[in-house]
N, C-alpha and C. Protein backbone atom coordinates (compact mmCIF):
# COMPACT_ATOMS: atom_id res chain seq x y z
N MET A 1 -116.31 -5.66 -7.88
CA MET A 1 -115.53 -4.67 -9.25
C MET A 1 -116.47 -3.68 -9.41
N THR A 2 -115.00 -2.43 -10.42
CA THR A 2 -116.12 -1.30 -10.10
C THR A 2 -116.82 -1.55 -11.06
N ALA A 3 -117.70 0.27 -11.58
CA ALA A 3 -118.19 0.54 -12.34
C ALA A 3 -117.85 0.48 -13.53
N PRO A 4 -116.18 1.28 -13.92
CA PRO A 4 -116.22 0.75 -15.55
C PRO A 4 -115.61 -0.46 -15.35
N ARG A 5 -114.87 -1.13 -14.39
CA ARG A 5 -114.11 -2.31 -15.09
C ARG A 5 -115.45 -3.72 -15.67
N ARG A 6 -116.77 -3.72 -15.11
CA ARG A 6 -117.50 -3.65 -14.93
C ARG A 6 -117.99 -3.48 -16.86
N ARG A 7 -118.30 -2.17 -16.15
CA ARG A 7 -118.74 -1.59 -18.19
C ARG A 7 -117.67 -2.79 -19.30
N VAL A 8 -116.80 -2.37 -19.43
CA VAL A 8 -115.79 -2.59 -20.41
C VAL A 8 -115.38 -4.34 -20.78
N LEU A 9 -116.42 -5.03 -19.03
CA LEU A 9 -116.30 -6.70 -19.37
C LEU A 9 -117.42 -6.83 -20.59
N GLU A 10 -118.77 -6.10 -20.10
CA GLU A 10 -119.69 -5.92 -20.41
C GLU A 10 -120.02 -6.03 -21.69
N LEU A 11 -118.89 -4.87 -22.53
CA LEU A 11 -118.87 -4.30 -23.64
C LEU A 11 -118.21 -5.44 -24.55
N LEU A 12 -116.99 -6.12 -24.02
CA LEU A 12 -116.19 -7.46 -24.47
C LEU A 12 -116.95 -8.53 -24.69
N LEU A 13 -117.68 -8.96 -23.78
CA LEU A 13 -118.83 -10.01 -23.76
C LEU A 13 -119.83 -9.88 -24.65
N ALA A 14 -120.31 -8.63 -25.01
CA ALA A 14 -121.51 -8.08 -26.01
C ALA A 14 -121.57 -8.24 -27.33
N ALA A 15 -119.45 -8.27 -27.70
CA ALA A 15 -119.37 -8.04 -28.70
C ALA A 15 -118.69 -9.19 -29.67
N GLY A 16 -118.52 -10.00 -28.15
CA GLY A 16 -117.95 -12.21 -28.49
C GLY A 16 -117.22 -11.62 -29.60
N GLU A 17 -116.05 -10.57 -29.91
CA GLU A 17 -114.77 -10.29 -31.06
C GLU A 17 -114.26 -10.28 -30.08
N PRO A 18 -112.70 -10.14 -31.04
CA PRO A 18 -111.92 -9.56 -30.26
C PRO A 18 -112.11 -7.75 -30.58
N VAL A 19 -111.54 -6.55 -30.05
CA VAL A 19 -112.21 -5.75 -29.94
C VAL A 19 -111.39 -4.41 -29.48
N LYS A 20 -110.28 -3.41 -30.39
CA LYS A 20 -109.48 -2.60 -29.92
C LYS A 20 -109.92 -2.19 -28.99
N ALA A 21 -109.05 -1.46 -28.29
CA ALA A 21 -108.89 -0.07 -27.17
C ALA A 21 -109.79 0.51 -27.65
N TYR A 22 -109.57 1.56 -28.44
CA TYR A 22 -110.41 2.90 -29.06
C TYR A 22 -111.84 2.52 -29.34
N ASP A 23 -111.96 1.16 -29.84
CA ASP A 23 -113.80 1.00 -29.88
C ASP A 23 -114.05 0.45 -28.72
N LEU A 24 -113.38 -0.10 -27.65
CA LEU A 24 -114.30 0.46 -26.57
C LEU A 24 -114.63 2.36 -25.71
N ILE A 25 -113.32 2.71 -26.11
CA ILE A 25 -113.24 4.04 -25.55
C ILE A 25 -115.00 4.94 -26.53
N ALA A 26 -114.83 4.20 -27.37
CA ALA A 26 -116.10 5.01 -28.24
C ALA A 26 -117.31 4.77 -27.49
N ARG A 27 -117.03 3.15 -27.14
CA ARG A 27 -118.64 2.25 -27.13
C ARG A 27 -118.93 2.47 -25.32
N TYR A 28 -117.84 3.08 -24.77
CA TYR A 28 -118.12 3.13 -23.29
C TYR A 28 -119.27 3.36 -22.53
N GLY A 29 -119.78 5.21 -23.50
CA GLY A 29 -120.54 5.70 -22.43
C GLY A 29 -122.17 5.02 -22.96
N LEU A 30 -122.70 4.81 -21.81
CA LEU A 30 -124.06 4.59 -22.33
C LEU A 30 -125.56 5.51 -22.92
N ASP A 31 -124.58 6.58 -23.23
CA ASP A 31 -125.31 7.80 -23.65
C ASP A 31 -124.53 8.37 -25.10
N GLY A 32 -123.87 7.56 -25.21
CA GLY A 32 -123.33 7.98 -26.38
C GLY A 32 -121.91 8.67 -26.45
N GLN A 33 -121.61 9.03 -25.08
CA GLN A 33 -120.52 9.69 -24.61
C GLN A 33 -119.11 9.01 -24.88
N ALA A 34 -118.19 9.20 -24.71
CA ALA A 34 -116.85 8.56 -24.98
C ALA A 34 -116.13 8.43 -23.90
N ALA A 35 -115.69 7.50 -23.38
CA ALA A 35 -114.77 7.39 -22.03
C ALA A 35 -113.52 8.09 -22.05
N LYS A 36 -112.78 8.38 -21.24
CA LYS A 36 -111.76 9.11 -21.36
C LYS A 36 -111.04 7.83 -21.17
N PRO A 37 -109.36 7.53 -21.89
CA PRO A 37 -109.04 6.68 -22.59
C PRO A 37 -108.41 6.33 -20.93
N PRO A 38 -107.82 6.38 -20.33
CA PRO A 38 -107.40 5.73 -18.79
C PRO A 38 -108.51 5.51 -18.20
N THR A 39 -109.18 5.36 -18.30
CA THR A 39 -110.32 4.45 -17.25
C THR A 39 -110.39 3.40 -18.34
N VAL A 40 -110.47 3.04 -19.38
CA VAL A 40 -110.41 2.27 -20.10
C VAL A 40 -109.16 1.27 -20.35
N TYR A 41 -108.08 1.97 -20.56
CA TYR A 41 -106.99 1.39 -20.34
C TYR A 41 -106.83 0.73 -18.92
N ARG A 42 -107.51 1.34 -17.72
CA ARG A 42 -107.00 0.88 -16.48
C ARG A 42 -108.00 -0.48 -15.95
N ALA A 43 -109.38 -0.31 -16.68
CA ALA A 43 -109.96 -1.53 -17.00
C ALA A 43 -109.73 -2.78 -17.57
N LEU A 44 -108.87 -2.18 -18.60
CA LEU A 44 -108.28 -3.37 -19.25
C LEU A 44 -107.57 -4.50 -18.87
N GLU A 45 -106.27 -3.30 -18.07
CA GLU A 45 -104.75 -4.36 -17.25
C GLU A 45 -105.95 -4.67 -15.86
N PHE A 46 -106.47 -4.54 -14.88
CA PHE A 46 -106.65 -5.08 -14.14
C PHE A 46 -107.83 -6.74 -14.03
N LEU A 47 -108.41 -6.17 -15.74
CA LEU A 47 -109.43 -7.73 -16.08
C LEU A 47 -108.17 -8.40 -17.01
N GLU A 48 -107.40 -8.20 -17.23
CA GLU A 48 -106.30 -8.81 -18.36
C GLU A 48 -105.13 -9.66 -17.51
N ARG A 49 -105.51 -8.79 -16.06
CA ARG A 49 -104.57 -9.54 -14.39
C ARG A 49 -104.94 -10.73 -13.78
N ARG A 50 -106.32 -9.98 -13.92
CA ARG A 50 -107.69 -11.72 -13.08
C ARG A 50 -107.44 -13.06 -14.58
N GLY A 51 -107.46 -12.73 -15.80
CA GLY A 51 -107.63 -13.18 -16.62
C GLY A 51 -109.32 -13.69 -16.89
N VAL A 52 -109.61 -12.79 -16.73
CA VAL A 52 -111.27 -12.64 -17.75
C VAL A 52 -111.24 -11.72 -18.85
N VAL A 53 -110.14 -11.16 -19.23
CA VAL A 53 -109.81 -10.56 -21.13
C VAL A 53 -108.45 -10.77 -21.18
N HIS A 54 -108.34 -11.07 -22.49
CA HIS A 54 -106.98 -11.79 -22.50
C HIS A 54 -106.52 -10.58 -23.98
N ARG A 55 -105.33 -10.16 -24.22
CA ARG A 55 -104.73 -8.72 -25.23
C ARG A 55 -104.26 -10.03 -25.95
N ILE A 56 -104.94 -9.40 -26.97
CA ILE A 56 -104.14 -10.33 -28.07
C ILE A 56 -103.46 -9.58 -28.74
N ALA A 57 -101.93 -9.28 -28.50
CA ALA A 57 -101.24 -8.66 -29.06
C ALA A 57 -101.37 -8.55 -30.83
N SER A 58 -100.81 -9.18 -31.68
CA SER A 58 -100.95 -9.27 -33.02
C SER A 58 -101.27 -8.35 -33.86
N ILE A 59 -102.58 -8.34 -32.73
CA ILE A 59 -104.11 -7.65 -33.46
C ILE A 59 -104.19 -6.33 -32.66
N SER A 60 -103.74 -6.28 -31.39
CA SER A 60 -103.95 -5.00 -30.56
C SER A 60 -104.71 -4.98 -30.47
N ALA A 61 -106.05 -6.17 -29.72
CA ALA A 61 -107.10 -6.29 -29.72
C ALA A 61 -107.61 -7.08 -28.41
N TYR A 62 -108.63 -6.89 -28.00
CA TYR A 62 -108.46 -7.63 -26.13
C TYR A 62 -109.58 -8.51 -26.80
N VAL A 63 -109.93 -9.08 -25.92
CA VAL A 63 -111.41 -10.06 -25.90
C VAL A 63 -111.54 -11.24 -24.64
N ALA A 64 -112.62 -11.09 -24.41
CA ALA A 64 -113.40 -11.84 -22.86
C ALA A 64 -112.90 -13.13 -22.83
N CYS A 65 -112.27 -14.03 -22.11
CA CYS A 65 -111.80 -15.36 -21.86
C CYS A 65 -112.94 -16.20 -22.13
N THR A 66 -113.24 -16.92 -23.04
CA THR A 66 -113.87 -18.22 -22.86
C THR A 66 -113.90 -19.55 -21.88
N ALA A 67 -113.11 -19.69 -21.11
CA ALA A 67 -112.79 -20.97 -20.14
C ALA A 67 -113.56 -21.07 -19.00
N VAL A 68 -113.97 -21.42 -18.62
CA VAL A 68 -114.68 -21.23 -17.32
C VAL A 68 -113.82 -20.32 -16.55
N ALA A 69 -114.43 -19.69 -15.98
CA ALA A 69 -114.71 -18.62 -14.80
C ALA A 69 -113.36 -18.99 -13.44
N GLY A 70 -113.35 -20.59 -13.24
CA GLY A 70 -112.78 -20.67 -12.23
C GLY A 70 -111.26 -21.34 -12.32
N ASP A 71 -111.23 -21.41 -14.46
CA ASP A 71 -109.74 -21.79 -14.85
C ASP A 71 -109.05 -20.78 -15.58
N ALA A 72 -109.98 -19.66 -15.34
CA ALA A 72 -109.88 -18.54 -16.23
C ALA A 72 -108.05 -17.94 -15.30
N PRO A 73 -108.17 -17.72 -14.85
CA PRO A 73 -106.42 -17.19 -14.17
C PRO A 73 -105.40 -17.99 -15.17
N ALA A 74 -105.60 -19.41 -14.65
CA ALA A 74 -104.05 -20.30 -14.67
C ALA A 74 -104.72 -21.00 -16.24
N HIS A 75 -105.34 -21.23 -17.08
CA HIS A 75 -105.04 -21.12 -18.29
C HIS A 75 -103.74 -20.55 -19.49
N ALA A 76 -103.37 -21.57 -20.42
CA ALA A 76 -102.74 -20.76 -21.25
C ALA A 76 -103.47 -20.38 -22.84
N ALA A 77 -103.70 -18.62 -22.92
CA ALA A 77 -104.32 -18.94 -24.29
C ALA A 77 -104.14 -18.37 -25.21
N ALA A 78 -105.37 -19.03 -26.12
CA ALA A 78 -104.31 -19.50 -27.15
C ALA A 78 -105.97 -19.34 -28.05
N PHE A 79 -105.05 -18.81 -29.76
CA PHE A 79 -105.88 -18.13 -30.19
C PHE A 79 -105.66 -18.34 -31.70
N LEU A 80 -106.94 -18.07 -32.59
CA LEU A 80 -106.37 -18.84 -34.23
C LEU A 80 -107.12 -17.78 -34.65
N ILE A 81 -106.38 -17.08 -35.31
CA ILE A 81 -106.83 -15.79 -35.96
C ILE A 81 -106.32 -15.77 -37.22
N CYS A 82 -107.72 -15.59 -38.32
CA CYS A 82 -107.74 -15.87 -39.64
C CYS A 82 -107.21 -14.54 -40.19
N ASP A 83 -106.41 -14.44 -41.22
CA ASP A 83 -105.64 -12.87 -42.05
C ASP A 83 -106.78 -12.56 -43.14
N CYS A 84 -107.22 -13.44 -43.36
CA CYS A 84 -108.35 -12.95 -44.57
C CYS A 84 -109.69 -12.60 -44.19
N CYS A 85 -110.59 -12.99 -43.33
CA CYS A 85 -111.48 -12.35 -42.62
C CYS A 85 -111.69 -11.65 -41.32
N GLY A 86 -110.35 -12.60 -40.56
CA GLY A 86 -110.18 -11.69 -38.98
C GLY A 86 -111.37 -12.80 -38.43
N ALA A 87 -111.59 -13.40 -38.37
CA ALA A 87 -112.45 -14.11 -37.26
C ALA A 87 -111.27 -14.72 -36.26
N THR A 88 -111.54 -15.21 -35.57
CA THR A 88 -110.75 -15.01 -33.54
C THR A 88 -111.43 -16.71 -32.94
N GLU A 89 -110.74 -17.12 -32.62
CA GLU A 89 -111.11 -18.51 -31.49
C GLU A 89 -110.40 -18.66 -30.49
N GLU A 90 -111.30 -18.54 -29.72
CA GLU A 90 -110.39 -19.17 -28.87
C GLU A 90 -110.27 -20.75 -28.87
N VAL A 91 -109.19 -21.29 -28.65
CA VAL A 91 -108.53 -22.76 -29.12
C VAL A 91 -108.30 -23.11 -27.28
N ALA A 92 -108.43 -24.42 -26.20
CA ALA A 92 -107.81 -25.01 -25.66
C ALA A 92 -106.48 -25.98 -25.88
N VAL A 93 -105.78 -25.56 -25.26
CA VAL A 93 -103.87 -25.88 -25.88
C VAL A 93 -103.23 -27.01 -25.05
N ALA A 94 -102.45 -28.11 -25.60
CA ALA A 94 -102.46 -28.82 -24.56
C ALA A 94 -101.22 -28.57 -24.32
N GLY A 95 -100.15 -28.83 -23.41
CA GLY A 95 -98.42 -27.92 -23.12
C GLY A 95 -97.97 -27.17 -22.82
N GLY A 96 -99.81 -26.03 -22.19
CA GLY A 96 -99.59 -25.03 -21.18
C GLY A 96 -99.23 -25.30 -20.14
N ASP A 97 -99.32 -26.32 -19.33
CA ASP A 97 -98.80 -26.62 -18.03
C ASP A 97 -97.14 -27.26 -18.25
N ALA A 98 -97.03 -27.83 -19.14
CA ALA A 98 -95.55 -28.32 -19.26
C ALA A 98 -94.49 -26.83 -19.89
N PHE A 99 -95.35 -25.91 -20.53
CA PHE A 99 -94.04 -24.47 -20.85
C PHE A 99 -93.88 -24.25 -18.94
N ALA A 100 -95.49 -23.60 -18.10
CA ALA A 100 -95.67 -23.48 -17.14
C ALA A 100 -94.10 -24.10 -16.16
N ASP A 101 -94.36 -25.28 -16.40
CA ASP A 101 -93.08 -26.11 -15.39
C ASP A 101 -92.13 -25.74 -16.10
N ALA A 102 -91.27 -26.03 -17.32
CA ALA A 102 -90.14 -25.32 -17.86
C ALA A 102 -90.29 -23.93 -17.44
N ALA A 103 -90.79 -22.88 -16.88
CA ALA A 103 -90.10 -21.39 -16.32
C ALA A 103 -90.16 -21.84 -15.16
N SER A 104 -90.75 -22.40 -14.47
CA SER A 104 -90.55 -22.56 -13.23
C SER A 104 -89.60 -23.61 -13.10
N ALA A 105 -89.00 -24.70 -13.83
CA ALA A 105 -87.54 -24.74 -13.41
C ALA A 105 -86.12 -23.62 -13.84
N ALA A 106 -86.83 -23.18 -14.63
CA ALA A 106 -86.33 -21.69 -15.32
C ALA A 106 -86.00 -20.49 -14.31
N GLY A 107 -87.00 -20.69 -13.17
CA GLY A 107 -86.79 -19.75 -11.94
C GLY A 107 -87.64 -19.00 -12.32
N TYR A 108 -87.98 -19.09 -13.12
CA TYR A 108 -89.91 -17.83 -14.09
C TYR A 108 -90.80 -18.20 -12.73
N ALA A 109 -91.54 -17.13 -13.23
CA ALA A 109 -92.83 -17.12 -12.63
C ALA A 109 -93.52 -16.80 -13.46
N ILE A 110 -94.53 -17.42 -14.43
CA ILE A 110 -95.16 -17.35 -15.42
C ILE A 110 -96.45 -16.58 -14.96
N GLU A 111 -97.24 -15.71 -15.21
CA GLU A 111 -98.02 -14.78 -14.48
C GLU A 111 -99.15 -15.03 -16.05
N ARG A 112 -99.13 -15.33 -17.31
CA ARG A 112 -99.71 -15.45 -18.19
C ARG A 112 -99.29 -15.94 -19.23
N THR A 113 -99.97 -16.69 -19.92
CA THR A 113 -99.73 -16.98 -21.44
C THR A 113 -100.63 -16.77 -22.60
N THR A 114 -100.19 -16.50 -23.43
CA THR A 114 -101.06 -16.26 -24.50
C THR A 114 -100.15 -16.52 -26.38
N ILE A 115 -101.18 -17.27 -26.94
CA ILE A 115 -100.48 -17.76 -27.89
C ILE A 115 -101.21 -17.71 -28.55
N GLU A 116 -100.37 -16.84 -30.29
CA GLU A 116 -101.92 -16.64 -31.63
C GLU A 116 -101.14 -17.71 -32.97
N GLY A 117 -101.89 -17.83 -33.27
CA GLY A 117 -101.86 -18.82 -34.88
C GLY A 117 -102.25 -17.87 -35.65
N HIS A 118 -101.79 -17.97 -36.63
CA HIS A 118 -102.26 -17.51 -37.40
C HIS A 118 -102.55 -18.52 -38.54
N GLY A 119 -103.69 -18.16 -40.16
CA GLY A 119 -103.36 -18.59 -40.83
C GLY A 119 -105.31 -18.12 -41.71
N ARG A 120 -105.83 -19.03 -42.04
CA ARG A 120 -106.95 -19.28 -42.87
C ARG A 120 -108.17 -19.84 -42.01
N CYS A 121 -109.32 -19.52 -41.63
CA CYS A 121 -110.58 -19.73 -40.87
C CYS A 121 -111.07 -21.37 -42.17
N PRO A 122 -111.90 -22.46 -41.06
CA PRO A 122 -112.39 -22.78 -42.69
C PRO A 122 -113.58 -22.22 -43.86
N ALA A 123 -113.57 -21.25 -43.43
CA ALA A 123 -114.58 -20.92 -44.70
C ALA A 123 -113.62 -20.01 -45.69
N CYS A 124 -113.03 -19.76 -45.35
CA CYS A 124 -111.91 -18.77 -45.90
C CYS A 124 -110.77 -19.41 -46.80
N ARG A 125 -110.56 -20.74 -46.66
CA ARG A 125 -109.78 -21.96 -47.21
C ARG A 125 -110.82 -22.33 -47.90
N VAL A 126 -112.34 -22.01 -48.34
CA VAL A 126 -113.22 -23.19 -48.68
C VAL A 126 -113.13 -22.16 -49.94
N ALA A 127 -113.08 -20.87 -49.90
CA ALA A 127 -113.22 -19.72 -50.91
C ALA A 127 -112.39 -19.74 -51.86
N ALA A 128 -110.64 -19.90 -50.73
CA ALA A 128 -109.46 -19.68 -51.72
C ALA A 128 -109.35 -20.35 -53.19
């Protein structure tokens, strides 16, 4: 793993929550210097292809995968996203294999699957 890829992964792991690419660019340099956008975007693309990082399209952010490292590339990532406070949680879902099997039967080769569910987290539901 190259130094830029390692740095981007370190930033995502340290954040513990979804982070937008431009925030990663701003935080990238250890001395306060921002990275060049292509450096971060290339690292994110590589990490996403390897299943180490997930892109949450609806909020345009990236998050480190919480699955066991050996399972990371093979699992279907599923996220619960609170529309009130922005809390995001990766959860295990049943049926990811069934989806991959259906895709295979249709002649598709699925490379990655991300499921996003929007709603309200327990804290926001109680506050409402």
